[in-house]
Amino acid sequence: MSPDILCGGMNPRLPIISESITINLTRINGEEIILNADLIETISQSPDTVIQLSNGKKMMVLESPAEVLEKVIAFRRSLMSGPVTGCHPPSRQDET
């Protein structure tokens, strides 16, 4: 979903949010993956880190739960300071 959709208009100058809704993780077998952080439901460690997704899938990653959480927090912060914050309706000049 692009920020222009979130803002209710079309603005080609704004980048696509989907590029920033992902976090980079490493599967147990060493394969690097890109995960949509919005799908994470729970993170546990037993002893490997297991991520439960909202679609019912589970994945094991090399990163600790704390590292995954740090990446999710960084992702959320990037949204708060990213292009969506620039979506404001144009100001209206006083009509006299």
C-alpha atoms as a PDB file:
ATOM      1  CA  MET A   1       0.000   0.000   0.000  1.00  0.00           C
ATOM      2  CA  SER A   2       1.398   3.379  -0.873  1.00  0.00           C
ATOM      3  CA  PRO A   3       1.258   6.450   1.343  1.00  0.00           C
ATOM      4  CA  ASP A   4      -0.673   8.310  -1.321  1.00  0.00           C
ATOM      5  CA  ILE A   5      -3.471   5.789  -0.809  1.00  0.00           C
ATOM      6  CA  LEU A   6      -3.286   6.308   2.940  1.00  0.00           C
ATOM      7  CA  CYS A   7      -3.490  10.052   2.370  1.00  0.00           C
ATOM      8  CA  GLY A   8      -6.485   9.739   0.100  1.00  0.00           C
ATOM      9  CA  GLY A   9      -4.790  11.039  -3.019  1.00  0.00           C
ATOM     10  CA  MET A  10      -2.243  10.190  -5.649  1.00  0.00           C
ATOM     11  CA  ASN A  11       1.214  11.646  -5.157  1.00  0.00           C
ATOM     12  CA  PRO A  12       3.965  10.190  -7.375  1.00  0.00           C
ATOM     13  CA  ARG A  13       6.639  11.899  -5.261  1.00  0.00           C
ATOM     14  CA  LEU A  14       5.923   9.707  -2.237  1.00  0.00           C
ATOM     15  CA  PRO A  15       7.677   6.314  -2.052  1.00  0.00           C
ATOM     16  CA  ILE A  16       5.784   3.072  -1.591  1.00  0.00           C
ATOM     17  CA  ILE A  17       5.422   2.085   2.083  1.00  0.00           C
ATOM     18  CA  SER A  18       5.645  -1.606   1.246  1.00  0.00           C
ATOM     19  CA  GLU A  19       9.391  -1.105   0.763  1.00  0.00           C
ATOM     20  CA  SER A  20       9.660  -0.211   4.442  1.00  0.00           C
ATOM     21  CA  ILE A  21       7.163  -2.590   6.086  1.00  0.00           C
ATOM     22  CA  THR A  22       9.644  -5.422   5.987  1.00  0.00           C
ATOM     23  CA  ILE A  23      12.474  -6.514   8.223  1.00  0.00           C
ATOM     24  CA  ASN A  24      15.460  -8.626   7.232  1.00  0.00           C
ATOM     25  CA  LEU A  25      15.921 -11.865   9.164  1.00  0.00           C
ATOM     26  CA  THR A  26      17.891 -15.092   8.794  1.00  0.00           C
ATOM     27  CA  ARG A  27      16.296 -18.540   8.824  1.00  0.00           C
ATOM     28  CA  ILE A  28      17.931 -21.292  10.879  1.00  0.00           C
ATOM     29  CA  ASN A  29      19.485 -22.706   7.680  1.00  0.00           C
ATOM     30  CA  GLY A  30      21.218 -19.360   6.982  1.00  0.00           C
ATOM     31  CA  GLU A  31      18.828 -18.224   4.262  1.00  0.00           C
ATOM     32  CA  GLU A  32      18.168 -14.497   4.417  1.00  0.00           C
ATOM     33  CA  ILE A  33      14.490 -13.583   4.300  1.00  0.00           C
ATOM     34  CA  ILE A  34      12.466 -10.411   4.189  1.00  0.00           C
ATOM     35  CA  LEU A  35       9.442 -10.544   6.490  1.00  0.00           C
ATOM     36  CA  ASN A  36       6.432  -8.267   6.613  1.00  0.00           C
ATOM     37  CA  ALA A  37       6.659  -6.997  10.195  1.00  0.00           C
ATOM     38  CA  ASP A  38       2.904  -6.418  10.315  1.00  0.00           C
ATOM     39  CA  LEU A  39       2.344 -10.196  10.159  1.00  0.00           C
ATOM     40  CA  ILE A  40       4.212 -10.945  13.406  1.00  0.00           C
ATOM     41  CA  GLU A  41       1.848 -12.107  16.121  1.00  0.00           C
ATOM     42  CA  THR A  42       4.239 -13.561  18.712  1.00  0.00           C
ATOM     43  CA  ILE A  43       7.958 -14.153  19.166  1.00  0.00           C
ATOM     44  CA  SER A  44       9.237 -16.886  21.471  1.00  0.00           C
ATOM     45  CA  GLN A  45      12.459 -18.723  22.185  1.00  0.00           C
ATOM     46  CA  SER A  46      12.559 -22.474  22.790  1.00  0.00           C
ATOM     47  CA  PRO A  47      15.675 -22.574  22.397  1.00  0.00           C
ATOM     48  CA  ASP A  48      15.514 -21.200  18.820  1.00  0.00           C
ATOM     49  CA  THR A  49      13.578 -18.052  18.066  1.00  0.00           C
ATOM     50  CA  VAL A  50      10.128 -18.906  16.729  1.00  0.00           C
ATOM     51  CA  ILE A  51       7.971 -16.260  15.078  1.00  0.00           C
ATOM     52  CA  GLN A  52       4.235 -16.938  14.891  1.00  0.00           C
ATOM     53  CA  LEU A  53       2.585 -15.062  12.035  1.00  0.00           C
ATOM     54  CA  SER A  54      -1.001 -13.875  11.905  1.00  0.00           C
ATOM     55  CA  ASN A  55      -1.631 -16.219   8.962  1.00  0.00           C
ATOM     56  CA  GLY A  56      -0.863 -19.225  11.192  1.00  0.00           C
ATOM     57  CA  LYS A  57       2.618 -19.917   9.803  1.00  0.00           C
ATOM     58  CA  LYS A  58       5.632 -20.257  12.072  1.00  0.00           C
ATOM     59  CA  MET A  59       9.246 -19.616  11.223  1.00  0.00           C
ATOM     60  CA  MET A  60      12.474 -20.159  13.084  1.00  0.00           C
ATOM     61  CA  VAL A  61      15.187 -17.533  12.779  1.00  0.00           C
ATOM     62  CA  LEU A  62      18.742 -17.079  14.006  1.00  0.00           C
ATOM     63  CA  GLU A  63      18.067 -13.661  15.531  1.00  0.00           C
ATOM     64  CA  SER A  64      17.110 -13.536  19.196  1.00  0.00           C
ATOM     65  CA  PRO A  65      13.628 -12.341  20.176  1.00  0.00           C
ATOM     66  CA  ALA A  66      15.241  -9.081  21.356  1.00  0.00           C
ATOM     67  CA  GLU A  67      16.909  -8.565  17.949  1.00  0.00           C
ATOM     68  CA  VAL A  68      13.633  -9.216  16.111  1.00  0.00           C
ATOM     69  CA  LEU A  69      11.859  -6.797  18.440  1.00  0.00           C
ATOM     70  CA  GLU A  70      14.543  -4.146  17.819  1.00  0.00           C
ATOM     71  CA  LYS A  71      14.017  -4.521  14.065  1.00  0.00           C
ATOM     72  CA  VAL A  72      10.241  -4.212  14.448  1.00  0.00           C
ATOM     73  CA  ILE A  73      10.653  -1.104  16.616  1.00  0.00           C
ATOM     74  CA  ALA A  74      13.028   0.434  14.054  1.00  0.00           C
ATOM     75  CA  PHE A  75      10.455  -0.351  11.360  1.00  0.00           C
ATOM     76  CA  ARG A  76       7.668   1.331  13.346  1.00  0.00           C
ATOM     77  CA  ARG A  77       9.848   4.379  14.020  1.00  0.00           C
ATOM     78  CA  SER A  78      10.626   4.674  10.315  1.00  0.00           C
ATOM     79  CA  LEU A  79       6.904   4.786   9.606  1.00  0.00           C
ATOM     80  CA  MET A  80       6.401   7.547  12.139  1.00  0.00           C
ATOM     81  CA  SER A  81       9.175   9.669  10.644  1.00  0.00           C
ATOM     82  CA  GLY A  82       8.661   8.573   7.051  1.00  0.00           C
ATOM     83  CA  PRO A  83       6.654   9.874   4.141  1.00  0.00           C
ATOM     84  CA  VAL A  84       3.245   9.352   5.723  1.00  0.00           C
ATOM     85  CA  THR A  85       3.916  12.229   8.127  1.00  0.00           C
ATOM     86  CA  GLY A  86       4.158  14.519   5.110  1.00  0.00           C
ATOM     87  CA  CYS A  87       0.562  13.823   4.106  1.00  0.00           C
ATOM     88  CA  HIS A  88      -1.338  16.937   4.942  1.00  0.00           C
ATOM     89  CA  PRO A  89      -4.138  18.473   2.943  1.00  0.00           C
ATOM     90  CA  PRO A  90      -3.084  21.659   1.211  1.00  0.00           C
ATOM     91  CA  SER A  91      -3.692  24.714   3.347  1.00  0.00           C
ATOM     92  CA  ARG A  92      -6.436  26.992   2.160  1.00  0.00           C
ATOM     93  CA  GLN A  93      -5.686  30.638   1.788  1.00  0.00           C
ATOM     94  CA  ASP A  94      -8.124  33.053   3.266  1.00  0.00           C
ATOM     95  CA  GLU A  95     -10.685  34.089   0.718  1.00  0.00           C
ATOM     96  CA  THR A  96     -11.680  37.706   1.028  1.00  0.00           C
END
